[in-house]
Structure formats: C-alpha cells, structure tokens
Amino acid sequence: MLVTSRSAAEYRAMFALPPELPGTVLDCCAGGASFAAETAGVVAVDPTYARGRAELADGVRTGLVDGDRMIAAHADRFDWSWYGDRAARASMRTAAAAAFLADLADRPGRYVAGALPHLPLATGSVDLALCSHLLFTWADRFDEHWHRAALVELARVARQEVRVYPLVLQGSGEPVPFLDALRADLDAAGLPSELRPVPYRFQRGAEEMLVVGTVDGWPTSDVRSSREPTTRRSRSGSWT
C-alpha cells in the first residue's frame, strides 16, 4: 500500500467539495495527504500514523516514487487534463508531502492512528467522512465483505454522508465487479447510496464518487453483520 501525498485541491475535486466545509470532516485513510494541514476542521486517520515520525517520512518519500512508477506502468490509463502535465502533478504532490510532514510535527493531535473497518472514533463524531484511494482502489486485495464492513464503519462515525473515490482498480482502472451488489446490500441495511460525478480527472474511468447516506439507531451489537433496516438520519447543512 502506498503512503500517498494528495493536496487539498485534489480532495476538493475528487469529492466535489464546496469552498467552505460546514462541519467536521474525516479523511480516512489519509496517508501523507495535506488535506488536514490545509483545511480547518479535518481529522486524518491512517494506520501509518502509528509509526515513528522518521519512518513515516520515509514512507511518504517512497510513496512519491512508487506512485510515479505505477502510473508509468499503466501510462495509457491516465488523463492529464486536470493537472496539465506530469511536472505540475509532481510539484503538487511534493508540496503536499512537505505540508503534511510539517503539520504532523506541529499539530500531531490532528493525526490519529487507526484502520478500517474498526476506527477509534465515536459514533456520529464527524459530519462528513471521505475515503480516497483505498476502498475499491484495492479491491484486488480486499473483498466485498471487507468493503461492506468498512463502509458501515464510515457511516457509523459520520452524521451526514460518506464519500468514496475512486470506484475503479488502481493502475488498470478496471471496474469493481461487486460494486452494484454491495450497493444493494447497503441499501437493504438502511444505507442508501448514489453515484455522483466529480470534476477531477486522472485515472480513466474514475469520473464518479460513491455517496452513502448515514443512519440513526445504531444497535449495540456488531452492525457489520446486521441486515435489519434502521431509521434514516435527518440531514442538516449542505455538502454540495
């Protein structure tokens, strides 16, 4: 798994975010992204934050190189129109990595060690949960059952919405075969979802995000195995 360093500008395009975010936002799993460093009200969660600072810095630097290698191996699967060119992307990622490492040193409380599908966060503790380049991206490593558990967990901690991008496999950009079945399963469990277009363009075929509504009335037992409908949460604020 790569420790990637994406910027706030990339996040806003990937998730079609407004200029001002009304509430608390979870970035999971955040890796070396500078979204929290650049944006007030963002809490970043990633298992790599359990590492020492020096080891994490090495992982961030390695991620910059390995990400470029993965892109080069699938060069025909990428669209450079959003970035402009390779140099612009490289500059953006390098700046994001530096901002992340500086903010981690200055404000370590914004970075929480944790991994899906079991987050160290209270139920309803954030307004919006974002998940970039983990779910679906690595569907060749994590199966449908894991994805369902991860989405249910993100919905547990989010009061309003969960947004996931992209919805294709890393590198190849191939579609995820169980996406439709997973959405039907979530809907049956009281978690309605929809696909929404995003302005970000890079990996071919990755033009939409998954948006999952959240619910009230979480049972005290393990909801990951529950299929009983729950009362849908009324929403406040706007993420459009």
C-alpha atoms as a PDB file:
ATOM      1  CA  MET A   1       0.000   0.000   0.000  1.00  0.00           C
ATOM      2  CA  LEU A   2       1.272   3.452  -0.930  1.00  0.00           C
ATOM      3  CA  VAL A   3       1.576   6.349   1.526  1.00  0.00           C
ATOM      4  CA  THR A   4       0.361   8.947  -0.957  1.00  0.00           C
ATOM      5  CA  SER A   5       0.508  12.739  -0.608  1.00  0.00           C
ATOM      6  CA  ARG A   6      -2.514  14.392  -2.186  1.00  0.00           C
ATOM      7  CA  SER A   7      -3.282  18.095  -1.817  1.00  0.00           C
ATOM      8  CA  ALA A   8      -6.430  19.846  -0.635  1.00  0.00           C
ATOM      9  CA  ALA A   9      -7.062  20.952  -4.230  1.00  0.00           C
ATOM     10  CA  GLU A  10      -7.142  17.316  -5.308  1.00  0.00           C
ATOM     11  CA  TYR A  11      -9.506  16.416  -2.475  1.00  0.00           C
ATOM     12  CA  ARG A  12     -11.897  19.206  -3.383  1.00  0.00           C
ATOM     13  CA  ALA A  13     -12.019  17.992  -6.985  1.00  0.00           C
ATOM     14  CA  MET A  14     -12.162  14.270  -6.147  1.00  0.00           C
ATOM     15  CA  PHE A  15     -15.081  14.761  -3.753  1.00  0.00           C
ATOM     16  CA  ALA A  16     -16.778  17.781  -5.365  1.00  0.00           C
ATOM     17  CA  LEU A  17     -16.413  19.755  -2.136  1.00  0.00           C
ATOM     18  CA  PRO A  18     -17.627  23.361  -1.667  1.00  0.00           C
ATOM     19  CA  PRO A  19     -15.151  26.139  -0.785  1.00  0.00           C
ATOM     20  CA  GLU A  20     -16.315  26.159   2.844  1.00  0.00           C
ATOM     21  CA  LEU A  21     -16.878  22.875   4.664  1.00  0.00           C
ATOM     22  CA  PRO A  22     -19.817  23.100   7.111  1.00  0.00           C
ATOM     23  CA  GLY A  23     -18.652  20.901   9.963  1.00  0.00           C
ATOM     24  CA  THR A  24     -16.040  18.322  10.885  1.00  0.00           C
ATOM     25  CA  VAL A  25     -14.559  16.134   8.151  1.00  0.00           C
ATOM     26  CA  LEU A  26     -12.843  12.760   8.458  1.00  0.00           C
ATOM     27  CA  ASP A  27     -10.089  11.882   5.992  1.00  0.00           C
ATOM     28  CA  CYS A  28      -9.683   8.111   6.132  1.00  0.00           C
ATOM     29  CA  CYS A  29      -7.262   6.702   5.303  1.00  0.00           C
ATOM     30  CA  ALA A  30      -5.307   9.899   4.811  1.00  0.00           C
ATOM     31  CA  GLY A  31      -1.738   8.707   4.302  1.00  0.00           C
ATOM     32  CA  GLY A  32       0.597  11.615   3.592  1.00  0.00           C
ATOM     33  CA  ALA A  33      -2.115  13.961   2.275  1.00  0.00           C
ATOM     34  CA  SER A  34      -2.055  17.641   3.181  1.00  0.00           C
ATOM     35  CA  PHE A  35      -5.856  17.971   3.302  1.00  0.00           C
ATOM     36  CA  ALA A  36      -5.868  18.247   7.113  1.00  0.00           C
ATOM     37  CA  ALA A  37      -2.865  20.569   7.068  1.00  0.00           C
ATOM     38  CA  GLU A  38      -4.555  22.918   4.589  1.00  0.00           C
ATOM     39  CA  THR A  39      -8.151  22.705   5.835  1.00  0.00           C
ATOM     40  CA  ALA A  40      -9.701  23.601   9.190  1.00  0.00           C
ATOM     41  CA  GLY A  41     -11.943  21.011  10.811  1.00  0.00           C
ATOM     42  CA  VAL A  42     -10.350  17.936   9.224  1.00  0.00           C
ATOM     43  CA  VAL A  43      -9.291  14.900  11.248  1.00  0.00           C
ATOM     44  CA  ALA A  44      -6.912  12.500   9.467  1.00  0.00           C
ATOM     45  CA  VAL A  45      -6.872   8.774  10.268  1.00  0.00           C
ATOM     46  CA  ASP A  46      -4.403   6.230   8.912  1.00  0.00           C
ATOM     47  CA  PRO A  47      -2.661   3.116  10.285  1.00  0.00           C
ATOM     48  CA  THR A  48       0.729   4.531   9.258  1.00  0.00           C
ATOM     49  CA  TYR A  49       0.425   7.218  11.958  1.00  0.00           C
ATOM     50  CA  ALA A  50       1.377   4.558  14.489  1.00  0.00           C
ATOM     51  CA  ARG A  51       4.896   4.628  13.022  1.00  0.00           C
ATOM     52  CA  GLY A  52       7.655   6.853  14.279  1.00  0.00           C
ATOM     53  CA  ARG A  53       7.944  10.216  12.546  1.00  0.00           C
ATOM     54  CA  ALA A  54      11.178   9.328  10.748  1.00  0.00           C
ATOM     55  CA  GLU A  55       9.762   6.049   9.427  1.00  0.00           C
ATOM     56  CA  LEU A  56       6.588   7.793   8.289  1.00  0.00           C
ATOM     57  CA  ALA A  57       8.635  10.441   6.468  1.00  0.00           C
ATOM     58  CA  ASP A  58      10.496   7.666   4.650  1.00  0.00           C
ATOM     59  CA  GLY A  59       7.154   6.113   3.684  1.00  0.00           C
ATOM     60  CA  VAL A  60       5.926   9.427   2.288  1.00  0.00           C
ATOM     61  CA  ARG A  61       9.048   9.874   0.175  1.00  0.00           C
ATOM     62  CA  THR A  62       8.829   6.285  -1.070  1.00  0.00           C
ATOM     63  CA  GLY A  63       5.166   6.802  -1.938  1.00  0.00           C
ATOM     64  CA  LEU A  64       6.045   9.682  -4.260  1.00  0.00           C
ATOM     65  CA  VAL A  65       8.423   7.449  -6.224  1.00  0.00           C
ATOM     66  CA  ASP A  66       6.288   4.297  -6.217  1.00  0.00           C
ATOM     67  CA  GLY A  67       3.205   6.217  -7.306  1.00  0.00           C
ATOM     68  CA  ASP A  68       5.049   7.519 -10.345  1.00  0.00           C
ATOM     69  CA  ARG A  69       6.215   4.003 -11.182  1.00  0.00           C
ATOM     70  CA  MET A  70       2.668   2.652 -11.024  1.00  0.00           C
ATOM     71  CA  ILE A  71       1.468   5.399 -13.363  1.00  0.00           C
ATOM     72  CA  ALA A  72       4.314   4.724 -15.791  1.00  0.00           C
ATOM     73  CA  ALA A  73       3.390   1.033 -15.856  1.00  0.00           C
ATOM     74  CA  HIS A  74      -0.182   1.918 -16.916  1.00  0.00           C
ATOM     75  CA  ALA A  75       0.533   5.093 -18.886  1.00  0.00           C
ATOM     76  CA  ASP A  76      -2.401   4.637 -21.270  1.00  0.00           C
ATOM     77  CA  ARG A  77      -4.871   4.579 -18.363  1.00  0.00           C
ATOM     78  CA  PHE A  78      -4.309   8.178 -17.228  1.00  0.00           C
ATOM     79  CA  ASP A  79      -5.684  11.551 -18.327  1.00  0.00           C
ATOM     80  CA  TRP A  80      -3.506  14.589 -17.561  1.00  0.00           C
ATOM     81  CA  SER A  81      -6.107  17.257 -18.346  1.00  0.00           C
ATOM     82  CA  TRP A  82      -6.836  18.176 -14.713  1.00  0.00           C
ATOM     83  CA  TYR A  83      -3.164  18.548 -13.709  1.00  0.00           C
ATOM     84  CA  GLY A  84      -1.989  19.992 -17.009  1.00  0.00           C
ATOM     85  CA  ASP A  85       1.167  17.887 -17.183  1.00  0.00           C
ATOM     86  CA  ARG A  86       3.355  15.495 -15.209  1.00  0.00           C
ATOM     87  CA  ALA A  87       5.535  18.248 -13.799  1.00  0.00           C
ATOM     88  CA  ALA A  88       2.528  20.080 -12.324  1.00  0.00           C
ATOM     89  CA  ARG A  89       1.332  16.924 -10.607  1.00  0.00           C
ATOM     90  CA  ALA A  90       4.788  16.148  -9.248  1.00  0.00           C
ATOM     91  CA  SER A  91       5.109  19.672  -7.855  1.00  0.00           C
ATOM     92  CA  MET A  92       1.674  19.469  -6.227  1.00  0.00           C
ATOM     93  CA  ARG A  93       2.425  16.102  -4.621  1.00  0.00           C
ATOM     94  CA  THR A  94       5.855  17.174  -3.354  1.00  0.00           C
ATOM     95  CA  ALA A  95       4.365  20.306  -1.774  1.00  0.00           C
ATOM     96  CA  ALA A  96       1.572  18.247  -0.202  1.00  0.00           C
ATOM     97  CA  ALA A  97       4.080  15.827   1.320  1.00  0.00           C
ATOM     98  CA  ALA A  98       6.083  18.701   2.824  1.00  0.00           C
ATOM     99  CA  ALA A  99       2.937  20.345   4.234  1.00  0.00           C
ATOM    100  CA  PHE A 100       1.787  17.046   5.752  1.00  0.00           C
ATOM    101  CA  LEU A 101       5.101  16.341   7.475  1.00  0.00           C
ATOM    102  CA  ALA A 102       5.326  19.900   8.824  1.00  0.00           C
ATOM    103  CA  ASP A 103       1.762  19.808  10.169  1.00  0.00           C
ATOM    104  CA  LEU A 104       2.297  16.368  11.691  1.00  0.00           C
ATOM    105  CA  ALA A 105       5.193  17.811  13.688  1.00  0.00           C
ATOM    106  CA  ASP A 106       3.318  20.976  14.696  1.00  0.00           C
ATOM    107  CA  ARG A 107      -0.170  19.545  15.330  1.00  0.00           C
ATOM    108  CA  PRO A 108       0.086  15.791  15.906  1.00  0.00           C
ATOM    109  CA  GLY A 109      -3.362  15.669  17.529  1.00  0.00           C
ATOM    110  CA  ARG A 110      -4.991  16.015  14.105  1.00  0.00           C
ATOM    111  CA  TYR A 111      -3.500  12.685  13.012  1.00  0.00           C
ATOM    112  CA  VAL A 112      -4.999   9.549  14.545  1.00  0.00           C
ATOM    113  CA  ALA A 113      -3.640   6.034  14.112  1.00  0.00           C
ATOM    114  CA  GLY A 114      -6.477   3.751  13.009  1.00  0.00           C
ATOM    115  CA  ALA A 115      -7.590   1.440  10.242  1.00  0.00           C
ATOM    116  CA  LEU A 116     -10.811   0.329   8.647  1.00  0.00           C
ATOM    117  CA  PRO A 117     -13.046  -1.432   9.387  1.00  0.00           C
ATOM    118  CA  HIS A 118     -12.586  -0.518  13.085  1.00  0.00           C
ATOM    119  CA  LEU A 119     -11.996   3.194  13.659  1.00  0.00           C
ATOM    120  CA  PRO A 120     -11.057   4.672  17.061  1.00  0.00           C
ATOM    121  CA  LEU A 121     -13.799   7.317  16.748  1.00  0.00           C
ATOM    122  CA  ALA A 122     -17.144   7.782  18.457  1.00  0.00           C
ATOM    123  CA  THR A 123     -20.422   7.254  16.625  1.00  0.00           C
ATOM    124  CA  GLY A 124     -21.519  10.426  14.844  1.00  0.00           C
ATOM    125  CA  SER A 125     -18.291  12.227  15.715  1.00  0.00           C
ATOM    126  CA  VAL A 126     -17.846  13.828  12.259  1.00  0.00           C
ATOM    127  CA  ASP A 127     -20.227  15.388   9.753  1.00  0.00           C
ATOM    128  CA  LEU A 128     -18.671  14.061   6.563  1.00  0.00           C
ATOM    129  CA  ALA A 129     -16.361  11.073   6.030  1.00  0.00           C
ATOM    130  CA  LEU A 130     -14.093  10.931   2.980  1.00  0.00           C
ATOM    131  CA  CYS A 131     -12.206   7.875   1.790  1.00  0.00           C
ATOM    132  CA  SER A 132      -9.696   8.372  -1.010  1.00  0.00           C
ATOM    133  CA  HIS A 133      -7.928   5.600  -2.931  1.00  0.00           C
ATOM    134  CA  LEU A 134      -8.484   2.732  -0.511  1.00  0.00           C
ATOM    135  CA  LEU A 135     -11.960   1.270  -0.942  1.00  0.00           C
ATOM    136  CA  PHE A 136     -12.457  -0.114  -4.462  1.00  0.00           C
ATOM    137  CA  THR A 137      -8.963   1.047  -5.462  1.00  0.00           C
ATOM    138  CA  TRP A 138      -7.556  -2.066  -3.768  1.00  0.00           C
ATOM    139  CA  ALA A 139     -10.480  -4.396  -4.464  1.00  0.00           C
ATOM    140  CA  ASP A 140      -7.992  -6.955  -5.730  1.00  0.00           C
ATOM    141  CA  ARG A 141      -6.735  -7.249  -2.124  1.00  0.00           C
ATOM    142  CA  PHE A 142      -9.859  -6.522  -0.047  1.00  0.00           C
ATOM    143  CA  ASP A 143     -13.028  -8.468  -0.796  1.00  0.00           C
ATOM    144  CA  GLU A 144     -16.684  -7.431  -0.850  1.00  0.00           C
ATOM    145  CA  HIS A 145     -17.215  -8.403   2.796  1.00  0.00           C
ATOM    146  CA  TRP A 146     -14.367  -6.119   3.903  1.00  0.00           C
ATOM    147  CA  HIS A 147     -15.710  -3.265   1.790  1.00  0.00           C
ATOM    148  CA  ARG A 148     -19.164  -3.607   3.337  1.00  0.00           C
ATOM    149  CA  ALA A 149     -17.718  -3.571   6.857  1.00  0.00           C
ATOM    150  CA  ALA A 150     -15.575  -0.529   6.016  1.00  0.00           C
ATOM    151  CA  LEU A 151     -18.495   1.446   4.570  1.00  0.00           C
ATOM    152  CA  VAL A 152     -20.735   0.599   7.527  1.00  0.00           C
ATOM    153  CA  GLU A 153     -17.990   1.780   9.868  1.00  0.00           C
ATOM    154  CA  LEU A 154     -17.550   5.056   7.991  1.00  0.00           C
ATOM    155  CA  ALA A 155     -21.317   5.571   8.102  1.00  0.00           C
ATOM    156  CA  ARG A 156     -21.260   4.912  11.857  1.00  0.00           C
ATOM    157  CA  VAL A 157     -18.917   7.804  12.561  1.00  0.00           C
ATOM    158  CA  ALA A 158     -20.450  10.233  10.021  1.00  0.00           C
ATOM    159  CA  ARG A 159     -23.564  12.252  10.844  1.00  0.00           C
ATOM    160  CA  GLN A 160     -24.394  13.192   7.249  1.00  0.00           C
ATOM    161  CA  GLU A 161     -22.555  11.469   4.397  1.00  0.00           C
ATOM    162  CA  VAL A 162     -19.742   9.166   3.376  1.00  0.00           C
ATOM    163  CA  ARG A 163     -17.975   9.901   0.084  1.00  0.00           C
ATOM    164  CA  VAL A 164     -15.626   7.414  -1.595  1.00  0.00           C
ATOM    165  CA  TYR A 165     -13.392   7.994  -4.616  1.00  0.00           C
ATOM    166  CA  PRO A 166     -12.376   6.416  -6.982  1.00  0.00           C
ATOM    167  CA  LEU A 167     -14.526   3.407  -7.845  1.00  0.00           C
ATOM    168  CA  VAL A 168     -12.031   1.590 -10.088  1.00  0.00           C
ATOM    169  CA  LEU A 169      -8.998  -0.615  -9.503  1.00  0.00           C
ATOM    170  CA  GLN A 170      -5.631   1.082  -9.036  1.00  0.00           C
ATOM    171  CA  GLY A 171      -3.392   1.187 -12.057  1.00  0.00           C
ATOM    172  CA  SER A 172      -5.582  -0.584 -14.571  1.00  0.00           C
ATOM    173  CA  GLY A 173      -8.733   1.485 -13.946  1.00  0.00           C
ATOM    174  CA  GLU A 174     -10.870  -1.623 -14.350  1.00  0.00           C
ATOM    175  CA  PRO A 175     -14.384  -1.539 -12.804  1.00  0.00           C
ATOM    176  CA  VAL A 176     -15.033  -3.250  -9.466  1.00  0.00           C
ATOM    177  CA  PRO A 177     -17.211  -6.311 -10.142  1.00  0.00           C
ATOM    178  CA  PHE A 178     -19.080  -6.281  -6.819  1.00  0.00           C
ATOM    179  CA  LEU A 179     -19.934  -2.555  -6.646  1.00  0.00           C
ATOM    180  CA  ASP A 180     -23.590  -2.935  -7.673  1.00  0.00           C
ATOM    181  CA  ALA A 181     -24.190  -5.903  -5.375  1.00  0.00           C
ATOM    182  CA  LEU A 182     -22.545  -4.066  -2.485  1.00  0.00           C
ATOM    183  CA  ARG A 183     -24.728  -1.009  -3.009  1.00  0.00           C
ATOM    184  CA  ALA A 184     -27.848  -3.182  -2.996  1.00  0.00           C
ATOM    185  CA  ASP A 185     -26.676  -4.822   0.218  1.00  0.00           C
ATOM    186  CA  LEU A 186     -26.077  -1.455   1.872  1.00  0.00           C
ATOM    187  CA  ASP A 187     -29.483  -0.188   0.796  1.00  0.00           C
ATOM    188  CA  ALA A 188     -31.119  -3.258   2.356  1.00  0.00           C
ATOM    189  CA  ALA A 189     -29.311  -2.407   5.600  1.00  0.00           C
ATOM    190  CA  GLY A 190     -30.699   1.152   5.579  1.00  0.00           C
ATOM    191  CA  LEU A 191     -27.687   2.848   3.987  1.00  0.00           C
ATOM    192  CA  PRO A 192     -28.846   4.334   0.661  1.00  0.00           C
ATOM    193  CA  SER A 193     -26.170   5.253  -1.847  1.00  0.00           C
ATOM    194  CA  GLU A 194     -25.787   7.034  -5.157  1.00  0.00           C
ATOM    195  CA  LEU A 195     -23.107   7.724  -7.749  1.00  0.00           C
ATOM    196  CA  ARG A 196     -22.269  11.382  -8.344  1.00  0.00           C
ATOM    197  CA  PRO A 197     -19.975  12.909 -10.976  1.00  0.00           C
ATOM    198  CA  VAL A 198     -16.833  14.740  -9.846  1.00  0.00           C
ATOM    199  CA  PRO A 199     -14.726  17.348 -11.682  1.00  0.00           C
ATOM    200  CA  TYR A 200     -11.443  15.533 -11.023  1.00  0.00           C
ATOM    201  CA  ARG A 201      -9.858  13.636 -13.920  1.00  0.00           C
ATOM    202  CA  PHE A 202      -6.815  11.411 -13.772  1.00  0.00           C
ATOM    203  CA  GLN A 203      -7.384   7.666 -13.886  1.00  0.00           C
ATOM    204  CA  ARG A 204      -9.528   6.806 -16.887  1.00  0.00           C
ATOM    205  CA  GLY A 205     -12.975   5.569 -15.901  1.00  0.00           C
ATOM    206  CA  ALA A 206     -12.812   7.290 -12.494  1.00  0.00           C
ATOM    207  CA  GLU A 207     -15.355  10.034 -13.067  1.00  0.00           C
ATOM    208  CA  GLU A 208     -17.759   9.346 -10.183  1.00  0.00           C
ATOM    209  CA  MET A 209     -17.733   9.048  -6.416  1.00  0.00           C
ATOM    210  CA  LEU A 210     -19.920   6.860  -4.225  1.00  0.00           C
ATOM    211  CA  VAL A 211     -22.059   8.785  -1.717  1.00  0.00           C
ATOM    212  CA  VAL A 212     -23.558   6.812   1.152  1.00  0.00           C
ATOM    213  CA  GLY A 213     -26.246   8.245   3.432  1.00  0.00           C
ATOM    214  CA  THR A 214     -25.966   7.713   7.181  1.00  0.00           C
ATOM    215  CA  VAL A 215     -28.403   6.409   9.777  1.00  0.00           C
ATOM    216  CA  ASP A 216     -29.642   6.773  13.341  1.00  0.00           C
ATOM    217  CA  GLY A 217     -30.456   3.983  15.741  1.00  0.00           C
ATOM    218  CA  TRP A 218     -27.226   2.014  15.643  1.00  0.00           C
ATOM    219  CA  PRO A 219     -27.621  -1.264  17.565  1.00  0.00           C
ATOM    220  CA  THR A 220     -25.211  -2.031  20.365  1.00  0.00           C
ATOM    221  CA  SER A 221     -24.265  -5.338  18.690  1.00  0.00           C
ATOM    222  CA  ASP A 222     -21.888  -5.616  15.725  1.00  0.00           C
ATOM    223  CA  VAL A 223     -23.679  -3.799  12.896  1.00  0.00           C
ATOM    224  CA  ARG A 224     -21.328  -5.257  10.311  1.00  0.00           C
ATOM    225  CA  SER A 225     -23.384  -8.436  10.215  1.00  0.00           C
ATOM    226  CA  SER A 226     -26.797  -6.785  10.604  1.00  0.00           C
ATOM    227  CA  ARG A 227     -29.184  -6.552   7.668  1.00  0.00           C
ATOM    228  CA  GLU A 228     -32.124  -5.090   9.608  1.00  0.00           C
ATOM    229  CA  PRO A 229     -33.303  -1.692   8.288  1.00  0.00           C
ATOM    230  CA  THR A 230     -32.690   1.303  10.521  1.00  0.00           C
ATOM    231  CA  THR A 231     -34.233   4.740  10.683  1.00  0.00           C
ATOM    232  CA  ARG A 232     -32.512   7.099   8.295  1.00  0.00           C
ATOM    233  CA  ARG A 233     -30.850  10.147   9.787  1.00  0.00           C
ATOM    234  CA  SER A 234     -32.317  13.537   9.010  1.00  0.00           C
ATOM    235  CA  ARG A 235     -29.677  15.815   7.478  1.00  0.00           C
ATOM    236  CA  SER A 236     -28.566  19.343   8.193  1.00  0.00           C
ATOM    237  CA  GLY A 237     -26.122  21.552   6.395  1.00  0.00           C
ATOM    238  CA  SER A 238     -25.061  21.179   2.781  1.00  0.00           C
ATOM    239  CA  TRP A 239     -22.136  19.426   1.159  1.00  0.00           C
ATOM    240  CA  THR A 240     -22.938  20.440  -2.406  1.00  0.00           C
END
